[in-house]
Amino acid sequence: MSESAVTGIKDESRATEFAIVINGELAVVPHETVSYAEVVAIAYPVAPGPDTTYTVTFRKAKGPRQEGILVAGETVEVRKEGTSFDVVPTGKS
């Protein structure tokens, strides 16, 4: 396989990657729509405790809802680069 063919494959795979920021750390996801559960799993692969709940806020998203709060069961469309999330464990109330 030629170098240009390999480069074309790499460029094509990058076309489907979305660079988001979660709690100040870069994360790359393979799709434009990101769920609450996915963001929480990236931010906290191991939950701080069994009864932990999370507050998830976002900004610089794509579409009419560019910032707000993401709750369990919801999704948001992210930009190719720059959408950021803050995920804070809040405990059970």
N, C-alpha and C. Protein backbone atom coordinates (compact mmCIF):
# COMPACT_ATOMS: atom_id res chain seq x y z
N MET A 1 0.85 -1.18 0.00
CA MET A 1 0.00 0.00 0.00
C MET A 1 0.89 1.23 0.00
N SER A 2 0.58 2.19 -0.83
CA SER A 2 1.41 3.37 -0.94
C SER A 2 1.20 4.30 0.25
N GLU A 3 2.16 5.18 0.46
CA GLU A 3 2.08 6.13 1.57
C GLU A 3 0.87 7.04 1.42
N SER A 4 0.57 7.46 0.19
CA SER A 4 -0.58 8.34 -0.02
C SER A 4 -1.89 7.62 0.29
N ALA A 5 -1.97 6.31 0.02
CA ALA A 5 -3.17 5.55 0.36
C ALA A 5 -3.33 5.45 1.87
N VAL A 6 -2.22 5.21 2.58
CA VAL A 6 -2.26 5.14 4.03
C VAL A 6 -2.67 6.48 4.61
N THR A 7 -2.11 7.56 4.10
CA THR A 7 -2.47 8.90 4.56
C THR A 7 -3.95 9.16 4.33
N GLY A 8 -4.48 8.73 3.19
CA GLY A 8 -5.89 8.91 2.90
C GLY A 8 -6.77 8.19 3.89
N ILE A 9 -6.36 6.99 4.31
CA ILE A 9 -7.12 6.22 5.30
C ILE A 9 -7.09 6.94 6.65
N LYS A 10 -5.92 7.41 7.05
CA LYS A 10 -5.80 8.13 8.32
C LYS A 10 -6.66 9.40 8.30
N ASP A 11 -6.62 10.14 7.20
CA ASP A 11 -7.41 11.37 7.10
C ASP A 11 -8.89 11.05 7.15
N GLU A 12 -9.30 9.96 6.53
CA GLU A 12 -10.71 9.57 6.53
C GLU A 12 -11.16 9.21 7.94
N SER A 13 -10.34 8.50 8.70
CA SER A 13 -10.72 8.13 10.06
C SER A 13 -10.78 9.35 10.96
N ARG A 14 -9.90 10.33 10.73
CA ARG A 14 -9.93 11.56 11.51
C ARG A 14 -11.17 12.38 11.21
N ALA A 15 -11.75 12.20 10.03
CA ALA A 15 -12.94 12.95 9.65
C ALA A 15 -14.12 12.57 10.51
N THR A 16 -14.07 11.40 11.14
CA THR A 16 -15.17 10.96 11.99
C THR A 16 -14.84 11.06 13.47
N GLU A 17 -13.80 11.78 13.82
CA GLU A 17 -13.43 11.98 15.22
C GLU A 17 -13.81 13.38 15.67
N PHE A 18 -14.27 13.47 16.90
CA PHE A 18 -14.68 14.75 17.47
C PHE A 18 -13.90 14.97 18.75
N ALA A 19 -13.15 16.07 18.81
CA ALA A 19 -12.32 16.39 19.97
C ALA A 19 -13.15 17.22 20.93
N ILE A 20 -13.42 16.65 22.11
CA ILE A 20 -14.18 17.35 23.13
C ILE A 20 -13.30 17.48 24.37
N VAL A 21 -13.69 18.35 25.27
CA VAL A 21 -12.94 18.54 26.51
C VAL A 21 -13.87 18.20 27.66
N ILE A 22 -13.41 17.30 28.52
CA ILE A 22 -14.20 16.90 29.69
C ILE A 22 -13.36 17.17 30.93
N ASN A 23 -13.85 18.04 31.80
CA ASN A 23 -13.12 18.44 33.01
C ASN A 23 -11.69 18.88 32.71
N GLY A 24 -11.53 19.61 31.61
CA GLY A 24 -10.24 20.15 31.24
C GLY A 24 -9.31 19.20 30.51
N GLU A 25 -9.75 17.97 30.27
CA GLU A 25 -8.94 16.96 29.58
C GLU A 25 -9.51 16.68 28.20
N LEU A 26 -8.64 16.56 27.22
CA LEU A 26 -9.06 16.25 25.85
C LEU A 26 -9.54 14.81 25.76
N ALA A 27 -10.67 14.62 25.09
CA ALA A 27 -11.19 13.27 24.81
C ALA A 27 -11.64 13.27 23.35
N VAL A 28 -11.45 12.16 22.68
CA VAL A 28 -11.87 12.03 21.28
C VAL A 28 -12.97 10.99 21.20
N VAL A 29 -14.08 11.37 20.60
CA VAL A 29 -15.20 10.44 20.43
C VAL A 29 -15.42 10.24 18.93
N PRO A 30 -15.94 9.06 18.54
CA PRO A 30 -16.07 8.74 17.12
C PRO A 30 -17.38 9.19 16.48
N HIS A 31 -18.20 9.96 17.20
CA HIS A 31 -19.48 10.36 16.64
C HIS A 31 -19.89 11.75 17.14
N GLU A 32 -20.79 12.37 16.41
CA GLU A 32 -21.20 13.74 16.68
C GLU A 32 -22.17 13.86 17.86
N THR A 33 -22.94 12.83 18.12
CA THR A 33 -23.91 12.86 19.21
C THR A 33 -23.33 12.14 20.42
N VAL A 34 -23.29 12.86 21.56
CA VAL A 34 -22.69 12.33 22.77
C VAL A 34 -23.77 12.30 23.86
N SER A 35 -23.81 11.20 24.60
CA SER A 35 -24.83 11.05 25.64
C SER A 35 -24.28 11.43 27.02
N TYR A 36 -25.21 11.67 27.92
CA TYR A 36 -24.88 11.92 29.33
C TYR A 36 -24.03 10.77 29.87
N ALA A 37 -24.48 9.52 29.64
CA ALA A 37 -23.77 8.35 30.16
C ALA A 37 -22.35 8.26 29.61
N GLU A 38 -22.18 8.59 28.34
CA GLU A 38 -20.86 8.52 27.72
C GLU A 38 -19.91 9.55 28.33
N VAL A 39 -20.40 10.77 28.53
CA VAL A 39 -19.57 11.83 29.11
C VAL A 39 -19.18 11.46 30.54
N VAL A 40 -20.12 10.95 31.32
CA VAL A 40 -19.83 10.54 32.70
C VAL A 40 -18.82 9.41 32.72
N ALA A 41 -18.96 8.43 31.83
CA ALA A 41 -18.03 7.29 31.79
C ALA A 41 -16.61 7.73 31.43
N ILE A 42 -16.49 8.72 30.56
CA ILE A 42 -15.17 9.24 30.21
C ILE A 42 -14.57 10.01 31.39
N ALA A 43 -15.40 10.82 32.04
CA ALA A 43 -14.91 11.64 33.15
C ALA A 43 -14.56 10.79 34.38
N TYR A 44 -15.38 9.79 34.67
CA TYR A 44 -15.19 8.96 35.85
C TYR A 44 -15.34 7.48 35.47
N PRO A 45 -14.28 6.87 34.94
CA PRO A 45 -14.37 5.45 34.57
C PRO A 45 -14.71 4.56 35.77
N VAL A 46 -14.29 5.00 36.96
CA VAL A 46 -14.64 4.31 38.20
C VAL A 46 -15.40 5.33 39.05
N ALA A 47 -16.64 5.00 39.38
CA ALA A 47 -17.47 5.93 40.16
C ALA A 47 -16.86 6.16 41.54
N PRO A 48 -16.91 7.40 42.05
CA PRO A 48 -16.38 7.70 43.38
C PRO A 48 -17.10 6.93 44.49
N GLY A 49 -18.36 6.58 44.27
CA GLY A 49 -19.12 5.83 45.26
C GLY A 49 -20.34 5.21 44.61
N PRO A 50 -20.99 4.25 45.29
CA PRO A 50 -22.11 3.54 44.68
C PRO A 50 -23.36 4.41 44.46
N ASP A 51 -23.54 5.42 45.26
CA ASP A 51 -24.74 6.28 45.14
C ASP A 51 -24.44 7.61 44.46
N THR A 52 -23.35 7.68 43.74
CA THR A 52 -22.93 8.94 43.12
C THR A 52 -23.82 9.29 41.94
N THR A 53 -24.26 10.54 41.92
CA THR A 53 -24.92 11.10 40.74
C THR A 53 -24.02 12.23 40.25
N TYR A 54 -24.30 12.73 39.06
CA TYR A 54 -23.41 13.73 38.46
C TYR A 54 -24.21 14.89 37.90
N THR A 55 -23.62 16.06 37.99
CA THR A 55 -24.13 17.24 37.30
C THR A 55 -23.22 17.43 36.09
N VAL A 56 -23.83 17.46 34.90
CA VAL A 56 -23.06 17.61 33.65
C VAL A 56 -23.51 18.89 32.96
N THR A 57 -22.58 19.82 32.80
CA THR A 57 -22.87 21.04 32.05
C THR A 57 -22.00 21.05 30.80
N PHE A 58 -22.49 21.73 29.77
CA PHE A 58 -21.73 21.79 28.53
C PHE A 58 -21.82 23.18 27.92
N ARG A 59 -20.87 23.49 27.05
CA ARG A 59 -20.87 24.75 26.31
C ARG A 59 -20.18 24.55 24.96
N LYS A 60 -20.47 25.44 24.05
CA LYS A 60 -19.92 25.41 22.69
C LYS A 60 -20.35 24.16 21.91
N ALA A 61 -21.58 23.72 22.15
CA ALA A 61 -22.11 22.57 21.40
C ALA A 61 -22.62 23.03 20.05
N LYS A 62 -22.97 22.10 19.21
CA LYS A 62 -23.48 22.39 17.87
C LYS A 62 -25.00 22.51 17.93
N GLY A 63 -25.55 23.33 17.07
CA GLY A 63 -27.00 23.41 16.96
C GLY A 63 -27.61 24.49 17.85
N PRO A 64 -28.92 24.46 17.97
CA PRO A 64 -29.60 25.53 18.70
C PRO A 64 -29.33 25.50 20.21
N ARG A 65 -29.03 24.34 20.74
CA ARG A 65 -28.74 24.21 22.18
C ARG A 65 -27.23 24.17 22.36
N GLN A 66 -26.63 25.35 22.46
CA GLN A 66 -25.17 25.44 22.49
C GLN A 66 -24.57 25.32 23.88
N GLU A 67 -25.38 25.53 24.90
CA GLU A 67 -24.90 25.35 26.27
C GLU A 67 -26.06 24.97 27.16
N GLY A 68 -25.74 24.33 28.27
CA GLY A 68 -26.81 23.93 29.17
C GLY A 68 -26.39 22.80 30.08
N ILE A 69 -27.40 22.14 30.63
CA ILE A 69 -27.20 21.02 31.53
C ILE A 69 -27.68 19.76 30.82
N LEU A 70 -26.87 18.72 30.90
CA LEU A 70 -27.21 17.44 30.30
C LEU A 70 -27.63 16.51 31.43
N VAL A 71 -28.79 15.89 31.31
CA VAL A 71 -29.28 14.98 32.34
C VAL A 71 -29.32 13.56 31.80
N ALA A 72 -29.44 12.60 32.70
CA ALA A 72 -29.47 11.19 32.32
C ALA A 72 -30.50 10.96 31.22
N GLY A 73 -30.08 10.25 30.19
CA GLY A 73 -30.96 9.94 29.07
C GLY A 73 -30.90 10.93 27.93
N GLU A 74 -30.26 12.07 28.13
CA GLU A 74 -30.17 13.09 27.08
C GLU A 74 -28.88 12.95 26.28
N THR A 75 -28.90 13.56 25.08
CA THR A 75 -27.72 13.63 24.23
C THR A 75 -27.54 15.07 23.76
N VAL A 76 -26.36 15.35 23.24
CA VAL A 76 -26.08 16.67 22.68
C VAL A 76 -25.17 16.47 21.47
N GLU A 77 -25.34 17.31 20.46
CA GLU A 77 -24.46 17.28 19.29
C GLU A 77 -23.24 18.14 19.56
N VAL A 78 -22.06 17.59 19.32
CA VAL A 78 -20.81 18.31 19.58
C VAL A 78 -20.21 18.83 18.29
N ARG A 79 -19.40 19.85 18.43
CA ARG A 79 -18.65 20.39 17.29
C ARG A 79 -17.45 19.48 17.02
N LYS A 80 -16.86 19.65 15.86
CA LYS A 80 -15.66 18.89 15.49
C LYS A 80 -14.56 19.09 16.54
N GLU A 81 -14.45 20.31 17.04
CA GLU A 81 -13.50 20.65 18.10
C GLU A 81 -14.11 21.73 18.97
N GLY A 82 -13.85 21.66 20.26
CA GLY A 82 -14.18 22.78 21.13
C GLY A 82 -15.35 22.63 22.07
N THR A 83 -16.21 21.63 21.89
CA THR A 83 -17.30 21.46 22.85
C THR A 83 -16.70 21.00 24.17
N SER A 84 -17.10 21.62 25.27
CA SER A 84 -16.53 21.23 26.55
C SER A 84 -17.62 20.89 27.56
N PHE A 85 -17.26 19.97 28.45
CA PHE A 85 -18.17 19.48 29.48
C PHE A 85 -17.50 19.59 30.84
N ASP A 86 -18.30 19.90 31.85
CA ASP A 86 -17.86 19.82 33.23
C ASP A 86 -18.74 18.77 33.89
N VAL A 87 -18.10 17.77 34.47
CA VAL A 87 -18.83 16.69 35.14
C VAL A 87 -18.41 16.71 36.61
N VAL A 88 -19.42 16.92 37.48
CA VAL A 88 -19.15 17.04 38.91
C VAL A 88 -19.98 16.00 39.66
N PRO A 89 -19.32 15.13 40.46
CA PRO A 89 -20.09 14.19 41.27
C PRO A 89 -20.85 14.97 42.34
N THR A 90 -22.13 14.67 42.47
CA THR A 90 -22.97 15.43 43.42
C THR A 90 -23.53 14.59 44.55
N GLY A 91 -23.33 13.28 44.54
CA GLY A 91 -23.88 12.43 45.57
C GLY A 91 -25.36 12.22 45.39
N LYS A 92 -25.95 11.50 46.30
CA LYS A 92 -27.38 11.20 46.21
C LYS A 92 -28.12 12.12 47.18
N SER A 93 -29.19 12.73 46.67
CA SER A 93 -29.94 13.64 47.57
C SER A 93 -31.29 13.08 47.87
